[in-house]
Amino acid sequence: MHASHRLDLTFAALADPTRRAILARLARGEASVAELAAPFKMSQPAISKHLKVLETAGLISAGHEANRRPRKIEGRPMKEAVAWLEEYRMFWERRYQALDELLVQMQATPPKSKRKRR
C-alpha cells in the first residue's frame, strides 16, 4: 500500500470521535467487541463498522483466543502519521523562530517619527 494512501486511511479513521475513543480504550489493553461497545449508545453492528474502519487503516488488529477475537491497537500507522505531522511542526517552528527574530529586531530599533520637524 502506498504511504499516501495509508495516511489517508489513518486520518479518515481518526476523524471520528467514536473511533478515537475506541483507540483510547485499546491503548489500555486488548478488548472484545462487547467490551468496546459497552460505553457507547449504539448497536454492536455499528461498533463493528467502526472497528472495520480501524482495521482497514491498520490501527487495530483482531487476535484469536478460543471463541473470542479481542482487538488490540497497532502502532505503525500512528507512527507514520506522527512522522508526517512532525515535518509540518518543524516547518512552523522555523517560521515562528523567524517571526520571533523579526520582533526582537523591531523592538531594538527605535521607531522613526512620522512627524516632520520644523
N, C-alpha and C. Protein backbone atom coordinates (compact mmCIF):
# COMPACT_ATOMS: atom_id res chain seq x y z
N MET A 1 0.84 -1.18 0.00
CA MET A 1 0.00 0.00 0.00
C MET A 1 0.89 1.25 0.00
N HIS A 2 0.55 2.20 -0.79
CA HIS A 2 1.31 3.45 -0.90
C HIS A 2 1.21 4.25 0.39
N ALA A 3 2.30 4.91 0.77
CA ALA A 3 2.34 5.66 2.04
C ALA A 3 1.25 6.72 2.11
N SER A 4 1.01 7.39 1.00
CA SER A 4 -0.02 8.43 0.99
C SER A 4 -1.41 7.83 1.24
N HIS A 5 -1.68 6.68 0.66
CA HIS A 5 -2.97 6.01 0.86
C HIS A 5 -3.12 5.56 2.32
N ARG A 6 -2.03 5.06 2.91
CA ARG A 6 -2.07 4.66 4.32
C ARG A 6 -2.38 5.86 5.21
N LEU A 7 -1.75 7.01 4.92
CA LEU A 7 -2.04 8.22 5.70
C LEU A 7 -3.50 8.64 5.54
N ASP A 8 -4.01 8.55 4.32
CA ASP A 8 -5.42 8.88 4.09
C ASP A 8 -6.33 8.02 4.95
N LEU A 9 -6.06 6.71 4.98
CA LEU A 9 -6.87 5.80 5.78
C LEU A 9 -6.75 6.10 7.27
N THR A 10 -5.53 6.41 7.71
CA THR A 10 -5.30 6.70 9.13
C THR A 10 -6.05 7.95 9.54
N PHE A 11 -5.88 9.04 8.79
CA PHE A 11 -6.54 10.29 9.17
C PHE A 11 -8.06 10.19 9.04
N ALA A 12 -8.56 9.45 8.05
CA ALA A 12 -10.01 9.25 7.92
C ALA A 12 -10.54 8.49 9.14
N ALA A 13 -9.80 7.48 9.57
CA ALA A 13 -10.23 6.71 10.74
C ALA A 13 -10.20 7.57 12.00
N LEU A 14 -9.19 8.40 12.13
CA LEU A 14 -9.05 9.25 13.32
C LEU A 14 -10.03 10.42 13.33
N ALA A 15 -10.67 10.69 12.22
CA ALA A 15 -11.59 11.83 12.13
C ALA A 15 -12.86 11.63 12.96
N ASP A 16 -13.17 10.40 13.30
CA ASP A 16 -14.40 10.11 14.02
C ASP A 16 -14.15 9.99 15.52
N PRO A 17 -14.93 10.70 16.35
CA PRO A 17 -14.70 10.65 17.80
C PRO A 17 -14.93 9.27 18.41
N THR A 18 -15.85 8.50 17.87
CA THR A 18 -16.08 7.14 18.39
C THR A 18 -14.84 6.28 18.17
N ARG A 19 -14.26 6.39 16.99
CA ARG A 19 -13.06 5.59 16.69
C ARG A 19 -11.88 6.04 17.55
N ARG A 20 -11.78 7.35 17.80
CA ARG A 20 -10.71 7.82 18.68
C ARG A 20 -10.91 7.29 20.10
N ALA A 21 -12.16 7.24 20.55
CA ALA A 21 -12.45 6.70 21.89
C ALA A 21 -12.12 5.21 21.95
N ILE A 22 -12.41 4.49 20.89
CA ILE A 22 -12.06 3.06 20.83
C ILE A 22 -10.55 2.89 20.92
N LEU A 23 -9.81 3.70 20.18
CA LEU A 23 -8.35 3.62 20.25
C LEU A 23 -7.84 3.95 21.65
N ALA A 24 -8.45 4.95 22.28
CA ALA A 24 -8.03 5.31 23.64
C ALA A 24 -8.25 4.13 24.59
N ARG A 25 -9.37 3.44 24.43
CA ARG A 25 -9.64 2.27 25.26
C ARG A 25 -8.62 1.17 24.96
N LEU A 26 -8.33 0.93 23.69
CA LEU A 26 -7.39 -0.14 23.33
C LEU A 26 -5.95 0.20 23.73
N ALA A 27 -5.66 1.47 23.93
CA ALA A 27 -4.33 1.86 24.40
C ALA A 27 -4.07 1.30 25.81
N ARG A 28 -5.15 1.00 26.54
CA ARG A 28 -5.02 0.43 27.88
C ARG A 28 -4.93 -1.09 27.86
N GLY A 29 -5.19 -1.71 26.69
CA GLY A 29 -5.10 -3.16 26.57
C GLY A 29 -6.16 -3.72 25.65
N GLU A 30 -6.01 -4.99 25.31
CA GLU A 30 -6.93 -5.67 24.41
C GLU A 30 -8.35 -5.65 24.97
N ALA A 31 -9.34 -5.71 24.05
CA ALA A 31 -10.75 -5.74 24.46
C ALA A 31 -11.58 -6.44 23.40
N SER A 32 -12.65 -7.06 23.84
CA SER A 32 -13.58 -7.71 22.91
C SER A 32 -14.50 -6.65 22.31
N VAL A 33 -15.24 -7.04 21.28
CA VAL A 33 -16.20 -6.12 20.66
C VAL A 33 -17.23 -5.69 21.69
N ALA A 34 -17.71 -6.62 22.49
CA ALA A 34 -18.71 -6.29 23.52
C ALA A 34 -18.14 -5.28 24.52
N GLU A 35 -16.90 -5.46 24.92
CA GLU A 35 -16.27 -4.52 25.86
C GLU A 35 -16.10 -3.15 25.22
N LEU A 36 -15.76 -3.13 23.93
CA LEU A 36 -15.58 -1.86 23.24
C LEU A 36 -16.92 -1.15 23.02
N ALA A 37 -17.98 -1.93 22.83
CA ALA A 37 -19.30 -1.34 22.57
C ALA A 37 -19.96 -0.82 23.84
N ALA A 38 -19.60 -1.36 24.99
CA ALA A 38 -20.28 -1.05 26.26
C ALA A 38 -20.46 0.45 26.54
N PRO A 39 -19.44 1.30 26.39
CA PRO A 39 -19.64 2.71 26.76
C PRO A 39 -20.46 3.53 25.76
N PHE A 40 -20.79 2.96 24.62
CA PHE A 40 -21.45 3.73 23.57
C PHE A 40 -22.93 3.39 23.48
N LYS A 41 -23.72 4.37 23.11
CA LYS A 41 -25.16 4.16 22.90
C LYS A 41 -25.39 3.84 21.43
N MET A 42 -24.82 2.71 21.00
CA MET A 42 -25.01 2.27 19.62
C MET A 42 -24.96 0.75 19.61
N SER A 43 -25.47 0.20 18.54
CA SER A 43 -25.54 -1.25 18.43
C SER A 43 -24.15 -1.86 18.23
N GLN A 44 -24.07 -3.14 18.52
CA GLN A 44 -22.81 -3.84 18.30
C GLN A 44 -22.44 -3.85 16.81
N PRO A 45 -23.40 -4.00 15.87
CA PRO A 45 -23.04 -3.91 14.45
C PRO A 45 -22.46 -2.53 14.08
N ALA A 46 -22.97 -1.48 14.70
CA ALA A 46 -22.42 -0.15 14.42
C ALA A 46 -20.98 -0.05 14.92
N ILE A 47 -20.72 -0.59 16.11
CA ILE A 47 -19.35 -0.62 16.63
C ILE A 47 -18.47 -1.46 15.71
N SER A 48 -19.01 -2.57 15.21
CA SER A 48 -18.23 -3.43 14.31
C SER A 48 -17.84 -2.67 13.04
N LYS A 49 -18.70 -1.79 12.56
CA LYS A 49 -18.34 -0.98 11.38
C LYS A 49 -17.18 -0.05 11.70
N HIS A 50 -17.21 0.55 12.89
CA HIS A 50 -16.09 1.40 13.31
C HIS A 50 -14.81 0.58 13.41
N LEU A 51 -14.93 -0.62 13.96
CA LEU A 51 -13.76 -1.48 14.09
C LEU A 51 -13.20 -1.85 12.72
N LYS A 52 -14.07 -2.08 11.76
CA LYS A 52 -13.63 -2.42 10.40
C LYS A 52 -12.82 -1.26 9.80
N VAL A 53 -13.28 -0.02 10.01
CA VAL A 53 -12.54 1.15 9.52
C VAL A 53 -11.15 1.20 10.16
N LEU A 54 -11.11 0.97 11.47
CA LEU A 54 -9.83 0.99 12.18
C LEU A 54 -8.92 -0.14 11.72
N GLU A 55 -9.49 -1.31 11.46
CA GLU A 55 -8.70 -2.44 10.96
C GLU A 55 -8.17 -2.17 9.55
N THR A 56 -9.03 -1.61 8.69
CA THR A 56 -8.61 -1.30 7.32
C THR A 56 -7.45 -0.30 7.32
N ALA A 57 -7.49 0.64 8.26
CA ALA A 57 -6.40 1.62 8.38
C ALA A 57 -5.16 1.01 9.04
N GLY A 58 -5.28 -0.18 9.58
CA GLY A 58 -4.15 -0.83 10.23
C GLY A 58 -3.93 -0.36 11.66
N LEU A 59 -4.89 0.40 12.20
CA LEU A 59 -4.73 0.94 13.55
C LEU A 59 -5.03 -0.09 14.64
N ILE A 60 -5.81 -1.11 14.29
CA ILE A 60 -6.07 -2.19 15.24
C ILE A 60 -6.00 -3.53 14.50
N SER A 61 -5.88 -4.59 15.27
CA SER A 61 -5.93 -5.95 14.70
C SER A 61 -6.74 -6.83 15.64
N ALA A 62 -7.21 -7.93 15.09
CA ALA A 62 -8.01 -8.87 15.88
C ALA A 62 -7.14 -10.07 16.23
N GLY A 63 -7.19 -10.44 17.48
CA GLY A 63 -6.47 -11.62 17.94
C GLY A 63 -7.36 -12.84 17.87
N HIS A 64 -6.85 -13.96 18.32
CA HIS A 64 -7.62 -15.20 18.32
C HIS A 64 -7.42 -15.90 19.66
N GLU A 65 -8.47 -15.91 20.46
CA GLU A 65 -8.46 -16.60 21.75
C GLU A 65 -9.70 -17.45 21.82
N ALA A 66 -9.56 -18.71 21.70
CA ALA A 66 -10.70 -19.66 21.77
C ALA A 66 -11.84 -19.16 20.91
N ASN A 67 -12.95 -18.75 21.54
CA ASN A 67 -14.11 -18.30 20.76
C ASN A 67 -14.28 -16.78 20.75
N ARG A 68 -13.29 -16.06 21.17
CA ARG A 68 -13.37 -14.59 21.10
C ARG A 68 -12.21 -14.03 20.30
N ARG A 69 -12.41 -12.85 19.75
CA ARG A 69 -11.38 -12.20 18.93
C ARG A 69 -11.11 -10.81 19.49
N PRO A 70 -10.31 -10.73 20.54
CA PRO A 70 -10.04 -9.42 21.13
C PRO A 70 -9.29 -8.53 20.16
N ARG A 71 -9.59 -7.25 20.21
CA ARG A 71 -8.90 -6.28 19.37
C ARG A 71 -7.76 -5.67 20.16
N LYS A 72 -6.70 -5.33 19.42
CA LYS A 72 -5.57 -4.65 20.05
C LYS A 72 -5.11 -3.53 19.12
N ILE A 73 -4.48 -2.56 19.71
CA ILE A 73 -4.01 -1.39 18.96
C ILE A 73 -2.70 -1.73 18.25
N GLU A 74 -2.52 -1.17 17.08
CA GLU A 74 -1.29 -1.33 16.31
C GLU A 74 -0.64 0.04 16.15
N GLY A 75 0.65 0.13 16.37
CA GLY A 75 1.31 1.42 16.41
C GLY A 75 1.83 1.97 15.10
N ARG A 76 2.11 1.12 14.14
CA ARG A 76 2.80 1.60 12.93
C ARG A 76 2.06 2.72 12.18
N PRO A 77 0.76 2.59 11.91
CA PRO A 77 0.09 3.69 11.19
C PRO A 77 0.12 5.01 11.95
N MET A 78 -0.01 4.93 13.28
CA MET A 78 0.03 6.15 14.08
C MET A 78 1.43 6.76 14.04
N LYS A 79 2.44 5.91 14.06
CA LYS A 79 3.82 6.39 13.98
C LYS A 79 4.06 7.10 12.65
N GLU A 80 3.52 6.55 11.56
CA GLU A 80 3.66 7.19 10.25
C GLU A 80 2.94 8.54 10.22
N ALA A 81 1.76 8.61 10.84
CA ALA A 81 1.01 9.88 10.88
C ALA A 81 1.77 10.92 11.70
N VAL A 82 2.33 10.51 12.81
CA VAL A 82 3.09 11.42 13.66
C VAL A 82 4.32 11.93 12.91
N ALA A 83 4.99 11.05 12.18
CA ALA A 83 6.17 11.47 11.40
C ALA A 83 5.78 12.49 10.34
N TRP A 84 4.63 12.28 9.69
CA TRP A 84 4.16 13.22 8.68
C TRP A 84 3.84 14.57 9.32
N LEU A 85 3.16 14.56 10.46
CA LEU A 85 2.83 15.79 11.16
C LEU A 85 4.08 16.50 11.68
N GLU A 86 5.07 15.72 12.08
CA GLU A 86 6.32 16.29 12.62
C GLU A 86 7.01 17.17 11.59
N GLU A 87 6.96 16.77 10.32
CA GLU A 87 7.57 17.60 9.28
C GLU A 87 6.95 19.00 9.26
N TYR A 88 5.66 19.05 9.42
CA TYR A 88 4.97 20.34 9.41
C TYR A 88 5.19 21.10 10.70
N ARG A 89 5.31 20.39 11.81
CA ARG A 89 5.61 21.06 13.07
C ARG A 89 6.96 21.76 12.99
N MET A 90 7.94 21.07 12.41
CA MET A 90 9.27 21.67 12.27
C MET A 90 9.22 22.88 11.33
N PHE A 91 8.43 22.79 10.26
CA PHE A 91 8.27 23.93 9.35
C PHE A 91 7.74 25.14 10.12
N TRP A 92 6.68 24.94 10.92
CA TRP A 92 6.09 26.06 11.65
C TRP A 92 7.00 26.54 12.76
N GLU A 93 7.77 25.65 13.37
CA GLU A 93 8.74 26.08 14.38
C GLU A 93 9.74 27.06 13.76
N ARG A 94 10.22 26.73 12.54
CA ARG A 94 11.18 27.64 11.87
C ARG A 94 10.52 28.97 11.56
N ARG A 95 9.27 28.94 11.13
CA ARG A 95 8.55 30.18 10.81
C ARG A 95 8.36 31.04 12.06
N TYR A 96 7.98 30.41 13.16
CA TYR A 96 7.79 31.15 14.40
C TYR A 96 9.12 31.71 14.91
N GLN A 97 10.19 30.96 14.74
CA GLN A 97 11.50 31.42 15.16
C GLN A 97 11.90 32.66 14.34
N ALA A 98 11.65 32.63 13.04
CA ALA A 98 11.95 33.79 12.20
C ALA A 98 11.10 34.98 12.62
N LEU A 99 9.85 34.76 12.96
CA LEU A 99 8.98 35.84 13.42
C LEU A 99 9.48 36.40 14.74
N ASP A 100 9.91 35.53 15.66
CA ASP A 100 10.46 36.00 16.94
C ASP A 100 11.69 36.87 16.71
N GLU A 101 12.56 36.45 15.79
CA GLU A 101 13.76 37.23 15.50
C GLU A 101 13.40 38.59 14.92
N LEU A 102 12.41 38.63 14.05
CA LEU A 102 11.96 39.89 13.47
C LEU A 102 11.39 40.80 14.55
N LEU A 103 10.63 40.27 15.46
CA LEU A 103 10.07 41.08 16.54
C LEU A 103 11.15 41.65 17.44
N VAL A 104 12.18 40.85 17.72
CA VAL A 104 13.30 41.33 18.53
C VAL A 104 13.99 42.49 17.81
N GLN A 105 14.22 42.35 16.50
CA GLN A 105 14.84 43.43 15.72
C GLN A 105 13.98 44.69 15.74
N MET A 106 12.69 44.51 15.58
CA MET A 106 11.79 45.66 15.56
C MET A 106 11.76 46.37 16.91
N GLN A 107 11.84 45.63 17.99
CA GLN A 107 11.84 46.23 19.32
C GLN A 107 13.16 46.94 19.61
N ALA A 108 14.24 46.44 19.04
CA ALA A 108 15.56 47.04 19.27
C ALA A 108 15.75 48.32 18.46
N THR A 109 15.05 48.46 17.37
CA THR A 109 15.18 49.64 16.51
C THR A 109 14.17 50.68 16.96
N PRO A 110 14.66 51.89 17.30
CA PRO A 110 13.71 52.92 17.73
C PRO A 110 12.79 53.31 16.56
N PRO A 111 11.54 53.55 16.85
CA PRO A 111 10.61 53.92 15.78
C PRO A 111 10.97 55.27 15.19
N LYS A 112 10.79 55.38 13.89
CA LYS A 112 11.03 56.65 13.23
C LYS A 112 9.81 57.52 13.42
N SER A 113 10.06 58.77 13.74
CA SER A 113 8.96 59.69 13.95
C SER A 113 8.33 60.00 12.61
N LYS A 114 7.03 60.00 12.57
CA LYS A 114 6.31 60.33 11.34
C LYS A 114 6.04 61.82 11.25
N ARG A 115 6.33 62.50 12.33
CA ARG A 115 6.12 63.93 12.39
C ARG A 115 7.34 64.67 11.85
N LYS A 116 7.10 65.61 10.98
CA LYS A 116 8.22 66.40 10.42
C LYS A 116 8.63 67.47 11.40
N ARG A 117 9.91 67.67 11.48
CA ARG A 117 10.43 68.74 12.35
C ARG A 117 10.49 70.05 11.59
N ARG A 118 10.26 71.13 12.28
CA ARG A 118 10.33 72.47 11.66
C ARG A 118 11.61 73.15 11.96
